[in-house]
């Protein structure tokens, strides 16, 4: 769509249009320049002496037009129903001939003469303003560069994102360092595999997810390795750590000191937990539907094979949580004082 190169400028009112039974045709001719003139109709209304009948106003096509077109009706007025019509957005090129097709009138036409003026000067002003804005922006950029070089405070502000990046890297590196001073936090639970529907078990060097709930090989001892969420997972019965070799296969090792045996716990949005190997970033502990370990290089965090649920081990609970070895709560009696003797009531003996 092309942009308009001219704008209408209305300044002369057109009020000489009147149609009646004696004068059924009225032609508008511009008072000024003919080429740039347009007629903008505003209202078409009936006079006070109009009868209760339909008055139809139409525009006749130009006489010099080669293809003869039929007249166009622009208003149908009636004194009791529609005595006036407001016209908007109708722009007509003179000469324009109006005719009262039906009725006796009188009908009055009003509008304005508009002359289109070129906006080339406006475009030149806009281009000049754009050039001035660009020059001001360049001057502001130069001022900012000079002030940054001269002022050490602003230079520090520019280096702030780099410091933030260094701080994030520092926190990430510190969270990955092995904690050798603090006491290990040890937890015992089972890992339920989402795909196989069984629990992870460590039977020795072999790792699988085919154990039933409460199986002695499914009991896992999880030790914290860092202040973050890195852990070491060991089978309670086999005393072998779950590790990942360089090919991405899960194996059991008697010693879990190497980085291959450290996993990062990641709690997902669906409340499942994924375990990412600390040495091989992007490799996750995963099992197939048959409970066999899946190659870690093909596993991803959002896959079902890498999703697990932590469940308590359903074996014999240690004392004092074991129900058979728990002691009943005993009330310890005390000698009543004078105040309690007054407030207490004697209870009937049964």
Protein backbone atom coordinates (compact mmCIF):
# COMPACT_ATOMS: atom_id res chain seq x y z
CA UNK A 1 0.00 0.00 0.00
CA UNK A 2 1.50 3.34 -1.09
CA UNK A 3 1.71 6.20 1.36
CA UNK A 4 -0.33 9.27 0.50
CA UNK A 5 1.65 12.14 -0.99
CA UNK A 6 -0.99 14.80 -0.37
CA UNK A 7 -3.29 15.88 2.45
CA UNK A 8 -6.75 17.48 2.13
CA UNK A 9 -7.17 21.03 3.38
CA UNK A 10 -10.85 22.09 3.83
CA UNK A 11 -11.61 25.75 4.04
CA UNK A 12 -14.70 26.69 1.96
CA UNK A 13 -18.18 25.53 3.03
CA UNK A 14 -20.60 24.32 0.39
CA UNK A 15 -24.16 25.31 1.28
CA UNK A 16 -25.73 26.06 -2.10
CA UNK A 17 -27.26 22.67 -2.74
CA UNK A 18 -31.08 22.65 -2.75
CA UNK A 19 -33.39 20.23 -4.53
CA UNK A 20 -37.13 20.68 -4.92
CA UNK A 21 -39.98 19.93 -7.29
CA UNK A 22 -39.16 23.08 -9.27
CA UNK A 23 -35.37 22.46 -9.22
CA UNK A 24 -34.72 18.73 -9.35
CA UNK A 25 -31.10 18.94 -10.51
CA UNK A 26 -28.23 20.75 -8.77
CA UNK A 27 -24.57 20.76 -9.90
CA UNK A 28 -21.60 21.56 -7.70
CA UNK A 29 -18.68 23.46 -9.26
CA UNK A 30 -15.57 24.52 -7.28
CA UNK A 31 -14.89 28.16 -6.58
CA UNK A 32 -11.11 27.79 -6.68
CA UNK A 33 -8.76 25.42 -8.52
CA UNK A 34 -10.58 22.58 -10.20
CA UNK A 35 -7.76 20.01 -10.29
CA UNK A 36 -7.06 19.79 -6.57
CA UNK A 37 -10.63 20.31 -5.33
CA UNK A 38 -12.75 17.67 -3.60
CA UNK A 39 -16.28 17.84 -2.21
CA UNK A 40 -16.87 16.31 1.22
CA UNK A 41 -20.59 15.89 1.95
CA UNK A 42 -21.63 16.27 5.58
CA UNK A 43 -25.46 16.31 5.80
CA UNK A 44 -28.55 15.84 3.63
CA UNK A 45 -31.80 17.02 5.25
CA UNK A 46 -35.41 17.90 4.47
CA UNK A 47 -36.85 21.43 4.74
CA UNK A 48 -39.72 22.55 6.96
CA UNK A 49 -42.27 22.43 4.11
CA UNK A 50 -41.44 18.83 3.16
CA UNK A 51 -44.45 16.57 2.74
CA UNK A 52 -44.96 13.13 4.27
CA UNK A 53 -43.44 11.28 1.36
CA UNK A 54 -40.21 9.59 0.36
CA UNK A 55 -37.58 11.90 -1.07
CA UNK A 56 -34.78 10.09 -2.89
CA UNK A 57 -31.52 11.84 -3.75
CA UNK A 58 -29.04 10.40 -6.23
CA UNK A 59 -25.82 11.36 -8.00
CA UNK A 60 -25.75 11.40 -11.80
CA UNK A 61 -22.65 10.17 -13.68
CA UNK A 62 -20.66 12.74 -15.69
CA UNK A 63 -22.02 13.44 -19.17
CA UNK A 64 -18.61 13.09 -20.86
CA UNK A 65 -18.02 9.63 -19.45
CA UNK A 66 -17.64 6.97 -22.12
CA UNK A 67 -19.21 4.06 -20.26
CA UNK A 68 -22.60 5.23 -19.09
CA UNK A 69 -23.20 4.16 -15.48
CA UNK A 70 -26.50 4.18 -13.65
CA UNK A 71 -27.18 6.89 -11.04
CA UNK A 72 -26.17 6.17 -7.43
CA UNK A 73 -28.73 6.75 -4.65
CA UNK A 74 -27.12 8.38 -1.61
CA UNK A 75 -30.15 9.15 0.61
CA UNK A 76 -33.83 8.28 1.05
CA UNK A 77 -35.57 10.72 3.41
CA UNK A 78 -39.03 10.92 4.98
CA UNK A 79 -40.24 13.61 7.38
CA UNK A 80 -41.66 11.25 10.04
CA UNK A 81 -39.00 8.54 9.80
CA UNK A 82 -35.63 9.91 8.61
CA UNK A 83 -35.59 13.68 8.05
CA UNK A 84 -31.76 13.98 7.96
CA UNK A 85 -28.75 11.87 6.99
CA UNK A 86 -25.16 12.46 8.11
CA UNK A 87 -22.56 11.47 5.53
CA UNK A 88 -18.95 10.72 6.47
CA UNK A 89 -16.02 9.62 4.37
CA UNK A 90 -17.63 10.46 0.98
CA UNK A 91 -15.16 12.38 -1.21
CA UNK A 92 -16.47 13.48 -4.62
CA UNK A 93 -14.60 14.96 -7.59
CA UNK A 94 -16.29 17.99 -9.18
CA UNK A 95 -18.36 18.63 -11.11
CA UNK A 96 -20.97 16.64 -9.14
CA UNK A 97 -24.62 16.59 -10.22
CA UNK A 98 -27.35 15.78 -7.66
CA UNK A 99 -30.93 14.90 -8.66
CA UNK A 100 -34.14 14.53 -6.70
CA UNK A 101 -35.37 11.23 -8.10
CA UNK A 102 -38.55 10.96 -6.04
CA UNK A 103 -40.52 13.37 -3.86
CA UNK A 104 -41.12 17.10 -3.97
CA UNK A 105 -38.58 18.29 -1.39
CA UNK A 106 -37.17 20.62 -0.43
CA UNK A 107 -33.87 18.82 0.27
CA UNK A 108 -30.77 20.69 1.37
CA UNK A 109 -27.17 19.52 0.84
CA UNK A 110 -24.22 20.78 2.87
CA UNK A 111 -20.54 20.02 2.82
CA UNK A 112 -17.07 21.47 2.33
CA UNK A 113 -14.65 22.16 -0.48
CA UNK A 114 -11.26 20.58 0.18
CA UNK A 115 -8.04 21.25 -1.71
CA UNK A 116 -5.22 18.71 -1.62
CA UNK A 117 -1.80 20.14 -0.85
CA UNK A 118 1.46 18.30 -1.37
CA UNK A 119 3.30 17.28 1.78
CA UNK A 120 6.75 17.29 0.19
CA UNK A 121 7.76 20.08 2.53
CA UNK A 122 6.58 17.98 5.49
CA UNK A 123 8.69 15.04 4.29
CA UNK A 124 11.71 17.32 4.05
CA UNK A 125 11.09 18.55 7.60
CA UNK A 126 10.75 14.97 8.86
CA UNK A 127 14.00 13.96 7.15
CA UNK A 128 15.75 16.97 8.69
CA UNK A 129 14.39 16.06 12.14
CA UNK A 130 15.56 12.45 11.73
CA UNK A 131 19.04 13.65 10.78
CA UNK A 132 19.12 15.93 13.83
CA UNK A 133 18.02 13.03 16.09
CA UNK A 134 20.77 10.79 14.68
CA UNK A 135 23.36 13.49 15.27
CA UNK A 136 22.15 13.94 18.86
CA UNK A 137 22.35 10.16 19.48
CA UNK A 138 25.91 10.07 18.12
CA UNK A 139 26.87 13.00 20.36
CA UNK A 140 25.33 11.24 23.39
CA UNK A 141 27.26 8.03 22.62
CA UNK A 142 30.50 10.01 22.37
CA UNK A 143 29.75 11.72 25.68
CA UNK A 144 29.08 8.36 27.34
CA UNK A 145 32.33 6.88 26.04
CA UNK A 146 34.31 9.88 27.25
CA UNK A 147 32.68 9.83 30.67
CA UNK A 148 33.35 6.09 31.04
CA UNK A 149 37.02 6.57 30.24
CA UNK A 150 37.34 9.49 32.66
CA UNK A 151 35.17 8.21 35.52
CA UNK A 152 36.29 5.00 37.30
CA UNK A 153 32.84 4.55 38.89
CA UNK A 154 31.08 4.16 35.55
CA UNK A 155 33.79 1.82 34.41
CA UNK A 156 33.05 -0.41 37.39
CA UNK A 157 29.35 -0.41 36.48
CA UNK A 158 30.18 -1.64 32.99
CA UNK A 159 32.25 -4.50 34.44
CA UNK A 160 29.44 -5.54 36.81
CA UNK A 161 28.01 -8.28 34.48
CA UNK A 162 31.47 -9.85 34.24
CA UNK A 163 31.73 -9.92 38.04
CA UNK A 164 28.32 -11.53 38.28
CA UNK A 165 29.40 -14.21 35.83
CA UNK A 166 32.57 -14.82 37.83
CA UNK A 167 30.52 -15.08 41.04
CA UNK A 168 28.17 -17.64 39.49
CA UNK A 169 31.16 -19.66 38.30
CA UNK A 170 32.69 -19.45 41.77
CA UNK A 171 29.50 -20.72 43.43
CA UNK A 172 29.22 -23.55 40.89
CA UNK A 173 32.84 -24.59 41.41
CA UNK A 174 32.55 -24.47 45.20
CA UNK A 175 29.39 -26.59 45.07
CA UNK A 176 31.24 -29.19 43.02
CA UNK A 177 34.18 -29.50 45.43
CA UNK A 178 34.25 -32.54 47.69
CA UNK A 179 33.65 -31.77 51.35
CA UNK A 180 36.39 -33.47 53.38
CA UNK A 181 35.80 -31.74 56.72
CA UNK A 182 32.11 -32.04 57.57
CA UNK A 183 30.39 -35.16 58.76
CA UNK A 184 28.69 -37.18 56.06
CA UNK A 185 24.93 -37.06 55.93
CA UNK A 186 23.65 -40.55 55.30
CA UNK A 187 20.17 -41.50 54.14
CA UNK A 188 18.61 -44.87 53.39
CA UNK A 189 15.90 -45.33 50.81
CA UNK A 190 14.91 -47.12 47.62
CA UNK A 191 14.84 -45.75 44.07
CA UNK A 192 11.67 -46.57 42.12
CA UNK A 193 12.17 -46.53 38.34
CA UNK A 194 9.39 -44.89 36.36
CA UNK A 195 9.83 -47.09 33.29
CA UNK A 196 10.41 -50.57 34.75
CA UNK A 197 8.07 -50.17 37.73
CA UNK A 198 10.69 -51.84 39.95
CA UNK A 199 13.44 -50.64 42.26
CA UNK A 200 17.14 -50.12 41.58
CA UNK A 201 19.29 -52.90 43.05
CA UNK A 202 23.05 -53.37 43.42
CA UNK A 203 23.86 -57.10 43.36
CA UNK A 204 27.60 -56.64 42.94
CA UNK A 205 29.12 -55.31 39.75
CA UNK A 206 25.73 -55.54 38.06
CA UNK A 207 23.17 -52.71 38.42
CA UNK A 208 19.53 -53.19 37.42
CA UNK A 209 16.02 -51.91 38.17
CA UNK A 210 14.19 -55.23 38.69
CA UNK A 211 13.95 -55.49 42.50
CA UNK A 212 10.64 -55.72 44.31
CA UNK A 213 9.67 -53.47 47.18
CA UNK A 214 11.58 -54.50 50.32
CA UNK A 215 14.29 -56.51 48.53
CA UNK A 216 17.53 -56.50 50.52
CA UNK A 217 19.54 -55.53 47.40
CA UNK A 218 17.19 -52.56 46.78
CA UNK A 219 18.18 -50.87 50.03
CA UNK A 220 20.53 -48.01 49.15
CA UNK A 221 22.78 -45.93 51.37
CA UNK A 222 23.12 -42.39 50.02
CA UNK A 223 26.06 -40.29 51.26
CA UNK A 224 26.44 -36.57 50.66
CA UNK A 225 29.60 -35.55 48.83
CA UNK A 226 29.32 -31.74 48.73
CA UNK A 227 27.36 -28.91 50.29
CA UNK A 228 25.22 -28.97 47.14
CA UNK A 229 23.15 -31.89 45.87
CA UNK A 230 25.93 -34.32 44.92
CA UNK A 231 25.70 -37.78 46.45
CA UNK A 232 27.29 -41.24 46.37
CA UNK A 233 24.92 -44.23 46.17
CA UNK A 234 25.94 -47.56 47.70
CA UNK A 235 24.10 -50.84 47.98
CA UNK A 236 23.54 -51.71 51.64
CA UNK A 237 23.80 -55.49 51.07
CA UNK A 238 26.57 -55.65 48.45
CA UNK A 239 28.48 -52.59 49.71
CA UNK A 240 29.22 -51.59 46.11
CA UNK A 241 28.89 -48.03 44.80
CA UNK A 242 26.91 -47.20 41.67
CA UNK A 243 29.41 -45.74 39.18
CA UNK A 244 29.46 -44.87 35.48
CA UNK A 245 32.35 -45.80 33.19
CA UNK A 246 33.58 -43.82 30.19
CA UNK A 247 31.17 -45.67 27.87
CA UNK A 248 28.17 -44.59 29.94
CA UNK A 249 27.44 -47.98 31.50
CA UNK A 250 26.43 -48.37 35.15
CA UNK A 251 28.69 -50.67 37.15
CA UNK A 252 29.29 -51.43 40.82
CA UNK A 253 32.64 -50.55 42.42
CA UNK A 254 33.89 -51.31 45.94
CA UNK A 255 35.30 -47.78 46.29
CA UNK A 256 33.30 -44.67 45.53
CA UNK A 257 36.06 -42.07 45.82
CA UNK A 258 36.34 -41.39 42.10
CA UNK A 259 34.20 -38.78 40.36
CA UNK A 260 32.54 -41.51 38.28
CA UNK A 261 30.62 -42.57 41.41
CA UNK A 262 29.25 -39.11 42.22
CA UNK A 263 25.79 -38.09 40.99
CA UNK A 264 23.91 -34.80 41.15
CA UNK A 265 20.33 -34.98 42.36
CA UNK A 266 17.98 -32.89 40.19
CA UNK A 267 14.40 -32.48 41.36
CA UNK A 268 12.18 -32.09 38.28
CA UNK A 269 8.94 -30.16 37.86
CA UNK A 270 6.91 -33.38 37.86
CA UNK A 271 8.34 -34.23 41.34
CA UNK A 272 10.55 -37.00 39.95
CA UNK A 273 14.30 -37.05 40.63
CA UNK A 274 17.05 -37.41 38.02
CA UNK A 275 20.68 -38.35 38.74
CA UNK A 276 23.35 -36.77 36.53
CA UNK A 277 26.89 -38.06 36.62
CA UNK A 278 29.41 -35.54 37.99
CA UNK A 279 32.22 -36.44 35.59
CA UNK A 280 30.14 -36.85 32.44
CA UNK A 281 27.88 -33.81 32.34
CA UNK A 282 24.62 -34.48 30.52
CA UNK A 283 24.77 -38.25 31.19
CA UNK A 284 21.98 -39.54 33.43
CA UNK A 285 21.28 -42.76 35.27
CA UNK A 286 18.55 -44.47 33.21
CA UNK A 287 16.90 -47.88 32.86
CA UNK A 288 14.81 -49.52 30.16
CA UNK A 289 11.39 -51.14 30.64
CA UNK A 290 13.10 -54.48 31.24
CA UNK A 291 15.16 -52.91 34.03
CA UNK A 292 18.46 -53.00 32.15
CA UNK A 293 20.77 -49.95 32.35
CA UNK A 294 20.46 -47.67 29.37
CA UNK A 295 23.49 -46.09 27.73
CA UNK A 296 23.97 -42.76 29.48
CA UNK A 297 25.10 -40.91 26.37
CA UNK A 298 21.59 -41.42 24.92
CA UNK A 299 19.71 -40.42 28.07
CA UNK A 300 18.25 -37.00 28.71
CA UNK A 301 16.78 -35.28 31.73
CA UNK A 302 13.24 -35.08 30.32
CA UNK A 303 13.05 -38.80 29.39
CA UNK A 304 11.00 -41.24 31.45
CA UNK A 305 13.95 -43.65 31.65
CA UNK A 306 15.85 -41.15 33.85
CA UNK A 307 13.01 -40.46 36.33
CA UNK A 308 13.02 -41.97 39.83
CA UNK A 309 11.01 -41.74 43.05
CA UNK A 310 12.59 -42.01 46.49
CA UNK A 311 10.78 -44.53 48.70
CA UNK A 312 11.39 -45.67 52.25
CA UNK A 313 12.76 -49.16 52.69
CA UNK A 314 10.05 -51.53 53.93
CA UNK A 315 12.31 -53.67 56.12
CA UNK A 316 12.44 -53.89 59.92
CA UNK A 317 12.57 -50.43 61.42
CA UNK A 318 15.35 -49.81 63.94
CA UNK A 319 14.66 -49.03 67.59
CA UNK A 320 12.89 -46.87 68.79
CA UNK A 321 10.77 -46.76 65.58
CA UNK A 322 9.98 -50.48 65.69
CA UNK A 323 6.41 -51.00 66.90
CA UNK A 324 7.13 -54.17 68.92
CA UNK A 325 9.96 -52.61 70.89
CA UNK A 326 8.30 -49.29 71.65
CA UNK A 327 7.41 -48.57 75.32
CA UNK A 328 4.04 -47.27 76.28
CA UNK A 329 3.89 -43.70 77.51
CA UNK A 330 3.69 -43.60 81.34
CA UNK A 331 2.31 -40.79 83.44
CA UNK A 332 4.63 -39.81 86.24
CA UNK A 333 2.70 -39.04 89.43
CA UNK A 334 3.64 -36.30 91.88
CA UNK A 335 2.62 -35.53 95.45
CA UNK A 336 -0.28 -33.05 95.60
CA UNK A 337 0.30 -29.66 97.19
CA UNK A 338 -2.09 -27.65 99.32
CA UNK A 339 -3.29 -25.70 96.32
CA UNK A 340 -4.00 -28.80 94.25
CA UNK A 341 -5.86 -30.35 97.20
CA UNK A 342 -8.28 -27.44 97.17
CA UNK A 343 -8.87 -27.52 93.43
CA UNK A 344 -8.99 -31.25 92.86
CA UNK A 345 -12.20 -33.09 93.50
CA UNK A 346 -12.18 -36.59 94.90
CA UNK A 347 -12.78 -39.15 92.17
CA UNK A 348 -15.02 -42.14 92.94
CA UNK A 349 -13.18 -45.42 93.21
CA UNK A 350 -14.24 -48.08 90.75
